[in-house]
C-alpha atoms as a PDB file:
ATOM      1  CA  MET A   1     -64.501  -5.299 -18.672  1.00  0.00           C
ATOM      2  CA  THR A   2     -62.176  -5.851 -21.505  1.00  0.00           C
ATOM      3  CA  ASN A   3     -59.619  -3.035 -22.341  1.00  0.00           C
ATOM      4  CA  THR A   4     -58.392  -3.112 -26.002  1.00  0.00           C
ATOM      5  CA  ILE A   5     -54.332  -2.127 -26.220  1.00  0.00           C
ATOM      6  CA  ASP A   6     -54.111  -0.528 -29.535  1.00  0.00           C
ATOM      7  CA  LYS A   7     -50.306   0.385 -29.220  1.00  0.00           C
ATOM      8  CA  LYS A   8     -47.131  -1.291 -29.412  1.00  0.00           C
ATOM      9  CA  ILE A   9     -46.111  -2.551 -25.797  1.00  0.00           C
ATOM     10  CA  VAL A  10     -42.467  -1.631 -25.434  1.00  0.00           C
ATOM     11  CA  SER A  11     -42.008  -2.142 -21.629  1.00  0.00           C
ATOM     12  CA  TYR A  12     -43.673  -3.289 -18.740  1.00  0.00           C
ATOM     13  CA  GLU A  13     -43.216  -3.496 -14.716  1.00  0.00           C
ATOM     14  CA  VAL A  14     -44.612  -6.174 -12.243  1.00  0.00           C
ATOM     15  CA  ILE A  15     -45.785  -4.362  -9.191  1.00  0.00           C
ATOM     16  CA  ASN A  16     -44.612  -6.644  -5.945  1.00  0.00           C
ATOM     17  CA  LEU A  17     -46.988  -5.756  -3.150  1.00  0.00           C
ATOM     18  CA  LYS A  18     -44.819  -7.226  -0.684  1.00  0.00           C
ATOM     19  CA  GLU A  19     -41.833  -5.076  -1.638  1.00  0.00           C
ATOM     20  CA  GLN A  20     -44.270  -2.075  -1.652  1.00  0.00           C
ATOM     21  CA  ARG A  21     -45.559  -2.888   1.924  1.00  0.00           C
ATOM     22  CA  ASP A  22     -41.867  -3.411   3.367  1.00  0.00           C
ATOM     23  CA  LYS A  23     -40.926   0.174   1.658  1.00  0.00           C
ATOM     24  CA  ALA A  24     -43.746   1.836   3.475  1.00  0.00           C
ATOM     25  CA  ALA A  25     -42.942   0.200   6.608  1.00  0.00           C
ATOM     26  CA  LEU A  26     -39.309   1.244   6.345  1.00  0.00           C
ATOM     27  CA  GLU A  27     -40.419   4.866   5.556  1.00  0.00           C
ATOM     28  CA  GLU A  28     -42.791   4.777   8.536  1.00  0.00           C
ATOM     29  CA  GLN A  29     -39.960   3.513  10.934  1.00  0.00           C
ATOM     30  CA  ASN A  30     -37.584   6.212   9.682  1.00  0.00           C
ATOM     31  CA  LYS A  31     -39.745   8.934  10.394  1.00  0.00           C
ATOM     32  CA  ILE A  32     -39.354   8.142  14.476  1.00  0.00           C
ATOM     33  CA  GLU A  33     -36.785   9.962  15.781  1.00  0.00           C
ATOM     34  CA  ASP A  34     -34.132   8.804  18.247  1.00  0.00           C
ATOM     35  CA  MET A  35     -31.290  10.508  19.924  1.00  0.00           C
ATOM     36  CA  HIS A  36     -28.565  11.442  17.946  1.00  0.00           C
ATOM     37  CA  GLU A  37     -25.563  13.797  18.047  1.00  0.00           C
ATOM     38  CA  ASN A  38     -27.554  16.185  15.778  1.00  0.00           C
ATOM     39  CA  VAL A  39     -30.921  16.690  17.688  1.00  0.00           C
ATOM     40  CA  GLU A  40     -31.133  20.434  19.038  1.00  0.00           C
ATOM     41  CA  ARG A  41     -31.527  20.987  22.213  1.00  0.00           C
ATOM     42  CA  PRO A  42     -35.373  22.472  22.920  1.00  0.00           C
ATOM     43  CA  GLU A  43     -35.992  25.361  25.268  1.00  0.00           C
ATOM     44  CA  MET A  44     -37.207  22.812  27.786  1.00  0.00           C
ATOM     45  CA  LEU A  45     -36.629  19.376  28.962  1.00  0.00           C
ATOM     46  CA  VAL A  46     -38.000  17.378  31.607  1.00  0.00           C
ATOM     47  CA  GLY A  47     -35.689  15.618  34.183  1.00  0.00           C
ATOM     48  CA  ALA A  48     -35.396  14.676  37.759  1.00  0.00           C
ATOM     49  CA  THR A  49     -33.046  15.604  40.748  1.00  0.00           C
ATOM     50  CA  TYR A  50     -31.367  13.207  42.932  1.00  0.00           C
ATOM     51  CA  LYS A  51     -29.646  13.764  46.333  1.00  0.00           C
ATOM     52  CA  ILE A  52     -26.628  11.621  47.137  1.00  0.00           C
ATOM     53  CA  LYS A  53     -25.070  12.182  51.122  1.00  0.00           C
ATOM     54  CA  THR A  54     -22.160  10.075  51.769  1.00  0.00           C
ATOM     55  CA  PRO A  55     -20.272  10.242  55.001  1.00  0.00           C
ATOM     56  CA  GLN A  56     -17.366  11.401  53.171  1.00  0.00           C
ATOM     57  CA  SER A  57     -18.527  14.796  53.036  1.00  0.00           C
ATOM     58  CA  GLU A  58     -20.751  17.211  55.324  1.00  0.00           C
ATOM     59  CA  HIS A  59     -22.223  18.814  51.935  1.00  0.00           C
ATOM     60  CA  ALA A  60     -24.542  16.616  49.694  1.00  0.00           C
ATOM     61  CA  LEU A  61     -24.360  16.032  46.098  1.00  0.00           C
ATOM     62  CA  TYR A  62     -27.349  16.697  43.757  1.00  0.00           C
ATOM     63  CA  VAL A  63     -27.407  14.852  40.407  1.00  0.00           C
ATOM     64  CA  THR A  64     -29.917  16.083  38.087  1.00  0.00           C
ATOM     65  CA  ILE A  65     -30.427  14.302  34.457  1.00  0.00           C
ATOM     66  CA  ASN A  66     -32.394  15.967  32.189  1.00  0.00           C
ATOM     67  CA  ASP A  67     -34.462  13.895  29.438  1.00  0.00           C
ATOM     68  CA  MET A  68     -35.509  14.860  25.939  1.00  0.00           C
ATOM     69  CA  VAL A  69     -39.043  13.389  25.005  1.00  0.00           C
ATOM     70  CA  LEU A  70     -38.993  12.246  21.380  1.00  0.00           C
ATOM     71  CA  ASN A  71     -42.065  11.392  19.079  1.00  0.00           C
ATOM     72  CA  TYR A  72     -43.983  13.644  21.194  1.00  0.00           C
ATOM     73  CA  ALA A  73     -47.863  12.522  21.760  1.00  0.00           C
ATOM     74  CA  THR A  74     -47.643   9.452  19.417  1.00  0.00           C
ATOM     75  CA  GLU A  75     -47.452   5.854  20.259  1.00  0.00           C
ATOM     76  CA  ASN A  76     -43.648   5.704  19.587  1.00  0.00           C
ATOM     77  CA  GLU A  77     -43.176   8.652  22.100  1.00  0.00           C
ATOM     78  CA  ILE A  78     -39.763   7.668  24.516  1.00  0.00           C
ATOM     79  CA  ARG A  79     -37.448   9.927  26.830  1.00  0.00           C
ATOM     80  CA  ARG A  80     -33.762   9.579  26.510  1.00  0.00           C
ATOM     81  CA  PRO A  81     -31.177  11.261  28.961  1.00  0.00           C
ATOM     82  CA  PHE A  82     -29.971  14.332  27.305  1.00  0.00           C
ATOM     83  CA  GLU A  83     -27.711  15.951  29.630  1.00  0.00           C
ATOM     84  CA  ILE A  84     -26.601  15.535  33.428  1.00  0.00           C
ATOM     85  CA  PHE A  85     -25.313  18.160  35.747  1.00  0.00           C
ATOM     86  CA  ILE A  86     -24.094  17.851  39.770  1.00  0.00           C
ATOM     87  CA  ASN A  87     -23.813  20.361  42.213  1.00  0.00           C
ATOM     88  CA  SER A  88     -22.285  20.492  45.740  1.00  0.00           C
ATOM     89  CA  LYS A  89     -21.503  22.991  48.263  1.00  0.00           C
ATOM     90  CA  ASN A  90     -18.018  20.703  48.486  1.00  0.00           C
ATOM     91  CA  LEU A  91     -15.725  21.968  45.847  1.00  0.00           C
ATOM     92  CA  ASP A  92     -12.789  19.173  46.497  1.00  0.00           C
ATOM     93  CA  HIS A  93     -14.336  17.384  43.961  1.00  0.00           C
ATOM     94  CA  PHE A  94     -14.841  20.253  41.158  1.00  0.00           C
ATOM     95  CA  GLN A  95     -12.859  19.321  38.324  1.00  0.00           C
ATOM     96  CA  TRP A  96     -13.856  15.401  38.128  1.00  0.00           C
ATOM     97  CA  VAL A  97     -17.494  16.278  38.287  1.00  0.00           C
ATOM     98  CA  VAL A  98     -17.172  18.736  35.474  1.00  0.00           C
ATOM     99  CA  ALA A  99     -15.475  16.424  33.378  1.00  0.00           C
ATOM    100  CA  LEU A 100     -17.736  13.288  34.185  1.00  0.00           C
ATOM    101  CA  THR A 101     -20.722  15.422  33.323  1.00  0.00           C
ATOM    102  CA  ARG A 102     -19.194  16.895  30.302  1.00  0.00           C
ATOM    103  CA  VAL A 103     -18.216  13.082  28.947  1.00  0.00           C
ATOM    104  CA  MET A 104     -21.541  11.756  30.075  1.00  0.00           C
ATOM    105  CA  SER A 105     -24.015  14.453  28.348  1.00  0.00           C
ATOM    106  CA  ALA A 106     -21.610  14.009  25.408  1.00  0.00           C
ATOM    107  CA  VAL A 107     -22.316  10.075  25.367  1.00  0.00           C
ATOM    108  CA  PHE A 108     -26.276  10.910  25.928  1.00  0.00           C
ATOM    109  CA  ARG A 109     -26.411  13.296  23.099  1.00  0.00           C
ATOM    110  CA  LYS A 110     -24.368  10.656  20.695  1.00  0.00           C
ATOM    111  CA  GLY A 111     -27.519   8.298  20.707  1.00  0.00           C
ATOM    112  CA  GLY A 112     -27.256   4.551  20.642  1.00  0.00           C
ATOM    113  CA  ASP A 113     -27.222   2.003  23.754  1.00  0.00           C
ATOM    114  CA  VAL A 114     -26.290   4.469  26.591  1.00  0.00           C
ATOM    115  CA  THR A 115     -26.810   1.963  29.392  1.00  0.00           C
ATOM    116  CA  PHE A 116     -23.645   0.550  29.457  1.00  0.00           C
ATOM    117  CA  LEU A 117     -22.437   3.668  31.471  1.00  0.00           C
ATOM    118  CA  VAL A 118     -24.328   2.372  34.547  1.00  0.00           C
ATOM    119  CA  ASN A 119     -22.060  -0.811  34.851  1.00  0.00           C
ATOM    120  CA  GLU A 120     -18.961   1.169  33.989  1.00  0.00           C
ATOM    121  CA  MET A 121     -19.404   3.565  36.706  1.00  0.00           C
ATOM    122  CA  LYS A 122     -20.791   1.030  39.250  1.00  0.00           C
ATOM    123  CA  ALA A 123     -17.547  -0.771  38.901  1.00  0.00           C
ATOM    124  CA  VAL A 124     -15.412   2.417  40.042  1.00  0.00           C
ATOM    125  CA  PHE A 125     -13.680   1.515  43.305  1.00  0.00           C
ATOM    126  CA  ASP A 126     -11.972   4.211  45.484  1.00  0.00           C
ATOM    127  CA  PRO A 127      -8.721   3.259  46.465  1.00  0.00           C
ATOM    128  CA  GLN A 128      -9.111   4.969  49.899  1.00  0.00           C
ATOM    129  CA  GLY A 129     -12.329   2.784  50.491  1.00  0.00           C
ATOM    130  CA  GLY A 130     -15.740   3.144  49.780  1.00  0.00           C
ATOM    131  CA  TYR A 131     -18.470   3.775  52.758  1.00  0.00           C
ATOM    132  CA  PHE A 132     -21.761   2.266  54.258  1.00  0.00           C
ATOM    133  CA  LYS A 133     -25.082   4.583  53.121  1.00  0.00           C
ATOM    134  CA  SER A 134     -26.795   5.368  56.290  1.00  0.00           C
ATOM    135  CA  GLY A 135     -29.987   3.561  57.038  1.00  0.00           C
ATOM    136  CA  GLY A 136     -28.463   0.405  56.127  1.00  0.00           C
ATOM    137  CA  GLY A 137     -28.340   1.219  52.376  1.00  0.00           C
ATOM    138  CA  GLY A 138     -25.540  -1.164  51.494  1.00  0.00           C
ATOM    139  CA  PHE A 139     -22.072  -0.641  50.873  1.00  0.00           C
ATOM    140  CA  MET A 140     -20.709   2.085  47.972  1.00  0.00           C
ATOM    141  CA  PRO A 141     -17.220   1.588  46.615  1.00  0.00           C
ATOM    142  CA  SER A 142     -16.980   5.006  45.577  1.00  0.00           C
ATOM    143  CA  ILE A 143     -18.998   8.439  44.945  1.00  0.00           C
ATOM    144  CA  VAL A 144     -18.652   7.781  41.099  1.00  0.00           C
ATOM    145  CA  ALA A 145     -20.330   3.896  41.902  1.00  0.00           C
ATOM    146  CA  GLU A 146     -23.234   5.542  43.699  1.00  0.00           C
ATOM    147  CA  ILE A 147     -23.720   8.140  40.551  1.00  0.00           C
ATOM    148  CA  GLY A 148     -23.808   5.090  38.715  1.00  0.00           C
ATOM    149  CA  TYR A 149     -26.785   3.781  40.754  1.00  0.00           C
ATOM    150  CA  VAL A 150     -28.421   6.741  40.578  1.00  0.00           C
ATOM    151  CA  LEU A 151     -28.194   6.731  36.845  1.00  0.00           C
ATOM    152  CA  GLU A 152     -29.642   3.379  36.821  1.00  0.00           C
ATOM    153  CA  ARG A 153     -32.483   4.126  39.070  1.00  0.00           C
ATOM    154  CA  HIS A 154     -33.296   6.968  36.246  1.00  0.00           C
ATOM    155  CA  MET A 155     -33.150   4.779  33.311  1.00  0.00           C
ATOM    156  CA  LYS A 156     -35.399   2.345  34.922  1.00  0.00           C
ATOM    157  CA  MET A 157     -37.861   5.349  35.636  1.00  0.00           C
ATOM    158  CA  ILE A 158     -37.856   6.650  32.228  1.00  0.00           C
ATOM    159  CA  GLY A 159     -38.120   2.983  30.561  1.00  0.00           C
ATOM    160  CA  LEU A 160     -34.494   2.663  29.192  1.00  0.00           C
ATOM    161  CA  LEU A 161     -33.594  -0.213  31.521  1.00  0.00           C
ATOM    162  CA  GLU A 162     -35.791  -2.992  33.173  1.00  0.00           C
ATOM    163  CA  ASP A 163     -36.652  -3.571  36.627  1.00  0.00           C
ATOM    164  CA  LYS A 164     -35.565  -7.105  36.901  1.00  0.00           C
ATOM    165  CA  GLN A 165     -37.493  -8.686  39.820  1.00  0.00           C
ATOM    166  CA  MET A 166     -36.122 -11.891  41.498  1.00  0.00           C
ATOM    167  CA  PRO A 167     -38.495 -14.542  40.945  1.00  0.00           C
ATOM    168  CA  GLU A 168     -41.140 -15.403  43.692  1.00  0.00           C
ATOM    169  CA  ALA A 169     -39.400 -18.788  43.970  1.00  0.00           C
ATOM    170  CA  HIS A 170     -36.237 -17.565  44.523  1.00  0.00           C
ATOM    171  CA  LEU A 171     -37.360 -14.863  47.304  1.00  0.00           C
ATOM    172  CA  GLU A 172     -38.601 -17.479  49.102  1.00  0.00           C
ATOM    173  CA  MET A 173     -35.994 -19.682  49.302  1.00  0.00           C
ATOM    174  CA  LEU A 174     -33.766 -16.796  50.462  1.00  0.00           C
ATOM    175  CA  GLN A 175     -36.353 -16.144  52.977  1.00  0.00           C
ATOM    176  CA  ALA A 176     -36.271 -19.918  54.233  1.00  0.00           C
ATOM    177  CA  LYS A 177     -32.572 -19.981  54.552  1.00  0.00           C
ATOM    178  CA  ARG A 178     -32.409 -16.840  56.700  1.00  0.00           C
ATOM    179  CA  ALA A 179     -34.979 -18.275  58.807  1.00  0.00           C
ATOM    180  CA  GLU A 180     -32.952 -21.540  58.932  1.00  0.00           C
ATOM    181  CA  TYR A 181     -29.346 -19.685  59.633  1.00  0.00           C
ATOM    182  CA  ASP A 182     -31.530 -17.873  62.467  1.00  0.00           C
ATOM    183  CA  ILE A 183     -32.543 -21.248  63.990  1.00  0.00           C
ATOM    184  CA  LEU A 184     -29.076 -22.994  63.244  1.00  0.00           C
ATOM    185  CA  LYS A 185     -27.122 -19.983  64.839  1.00  0.00           C
ATOM    186  CA  GLU A 186     -29.992 -19.706  67.781  1.00  0.00           C
ATOM    187  CA  GLN A 187     -29.801 -15.874  67.461  1.00  0.00           C
ATOM    188  CA  PRO A 188     -32.743 -13.715  67.110  1.00  0.00           C
ATOM    189  CA  ARG A 189     -32.795 -10.631  64.913  1.00  0.00           C
ATOM    190  CA  SER A 190     -31.010  -7.912  66.305  1.00  0.00           C
ATOM    191  CA  ARG A 191     -33.661  -5.383  65.052  1.00  0.00           C
ATOM    192  CA  GLU A 192     -37.435  -5.959  64.007  1.00  0.00           C
ATOM    193  CA  ASP A 193     -36.429  -4.310  60.915  1.00  0.00           C
ATOM    194  CA  ALA A 194     -33.132  -6.066  60.139  1.00  0.00           C
ATOM    195  CA  VAL A 195     -33.178  -7.622  56.949  1.00  0.00           C
ATOM    196  CA  PHE A 196     -29.898  -9.524  57.339  1.00  0.00           C
ATOM    197  CA  PRO A 197     -28.043 -11.278  60.297  1.00  0.00           C
ATOM    198  CA  ALA A 198     -25.815  -9.253  62.123  1.00  0.00           C
ATOM    199  CA  ASP A 199     -22.852 -11.641  61.524  1.00  0.00           C
ATOM    200  CA  ALA A 200     -23.380 -11.495  57.729  1.00  0.00           C
ATOM    201  CA  LYS A 201     -20.418 -10.527  55.435  1.00  0.00           C
ATOM    202  CA  MET A 202     -20.202  -8.519  52.540  1.00  0.00           C
ATOM    203  CA  CYS A 203     -21.295  -9.689  48.964  1.00  0.00           C
ATOM    204  CA  GLY A 204     -18.903  -9.015  46.237  1.00  0.00           C
ATOM    205  CA  LYS A 205     -21.600  -8.893  43.593  1.00  0.00           C
ATOM    206  CA  CYS A 206     -24.415  -6.277  45.216  1.00  0.00           C
ATOM    207  CA  TYR A 207     -22.373  -4.653  48.059  1.00  0.00           C
ATOM    208  CA  ASN A 208     -24.763  -5.608  51.122  1.00  0.00           C
ATOM    209  CA  LYS A 209     -23.632  -7.402  54.077  1.00  0.00           C
ATOM    210  CA  ALA A 210     -25.742 -10.274  53.470  1.00  0.00           C
ATOM    211  CA  VAL A 211     -23.615 -13.160  52.786  1.00  0.00           C
ATOM    212  CA  ILE A 212     -23.831 -16.344  55.450  1.00  0.00           C
ATOM    213  CA  VAL A 213     -22.310 -19.765  55.127  1.00  0.00           C
ATOM    214  CA  MET A 214     -24.487 -22.804  55.318  1.00  0.00           C
ATOM    215  CA  ASP A 215     -23.885 -26.213  54.147  1.00  0.00           C
ATOM    216  CA  GLY A 216     -20.585 -25.102  53.186  1.00  0.00           C
ATOM    217  CA  CYS A 217     -21.724 -22.339  50.590  1.00  0.00           C
ATOM    218  CA  LEU A 218     -21.509 -18.744  50.428  1.00  0.00           C
ATOM    219  CA  THR A 219     -25.238 -17.458  50.055  1.00  0.00           C
ATOM    220  CA  CYS A 220     -26.172 -13.730  49.568  1.00  0.00           C
ATOM    221  CA  LEU A 221     -29.473 -13.008  51.235  1.00  0.00           C
ATOM    222  CA  ASN A 222     -30.060 -10.288  49.157  1.00  0.00           C
ATOM    223  CA  CYS A 223     -29.121 -10.927  45.635  1.00  0.00           C
ATOM    224  CA  GLY A 224     -28.907 -14.584  45.879  1.00  0.00           C
ATOM    225  CA  ASP A 225     -25.399 -15.172  44.626  1.00  0.00           C
ATOM    226  CA  SER A 226     -23.994 -18.617  45.672  1.00  0.00           C
ATOM    227  CA  LYS A 227     -20.386 -19.986  45.939  1.00  0.00           C
ATOM    228  CA  CYS A 228     -19.705 -23.374  47.143  1.00  0.00           C
ATOM    229  CA  GLY A 229     -16.483 -25.288  47.737  1.00  0.00           C
END
C-alpha cells in the first residue's frame, strides 16, 4: 500500500531496534530490587538462630540472623541478610557483642557484596588461645571466628555463598593417603568413627587436626592443603 506525503519533511528519526531492546532490558533490570541502605524494614523478617557452645563459658551464645526477602514471589526472589543479634546469659562479652552486631547489621543494610565479612571474622585470633569444639568439630581460633563460621553457614543456606565441594578424585586421593598412612604407621584407627589419625597435627588452613607427613610432604586429610620440602 502506498502512502502519499503531501507536506514538506522537516525532520526524521531512524528507529534503532537494538537500542530499544537494550533500553527495555535495562528498565526491566532496574525494577529488580536489591539491598541498599534506604530499604525500609518490614514488619516481619525470616531468619534462623544458631547455637554456639564453647568450653570457655558454661553459657551458650545464640546467633540470630534475619533476612529480607526481595522481589517476593517473582523469578528474581532473593534473600539477603538484614540484621544480626547475639544473645547469651554470659555478660562478659556484652559490650563487644553489641558493637559487633550493630556494625554487621549496618554492613548488611548497606548492600553490595557482604560475603567478605566471613573471611574477616574467621581470621580473628584470640591472644589467649582458641579452643577445640566438642565432638571433634575442629579448632576455633576465637569466638568471633566461630561467629564467622556461623555466618558462612547461613549465607550458604540462603544461596549467597556457594558450598564448594571437593572433587571426587581429590577426595578419593585423600582417603587412599589415609589408608596408606595407617599401614605405614601400623596403627589401626583409635575409634571406628575417627576421621583422622590420632597423631595428626593442626592444619593452618582449616584448623582441623588432620595434617600427616608422608614422603616429606605435609598433607591435610580434611581440606587437602599440601606443602612439601
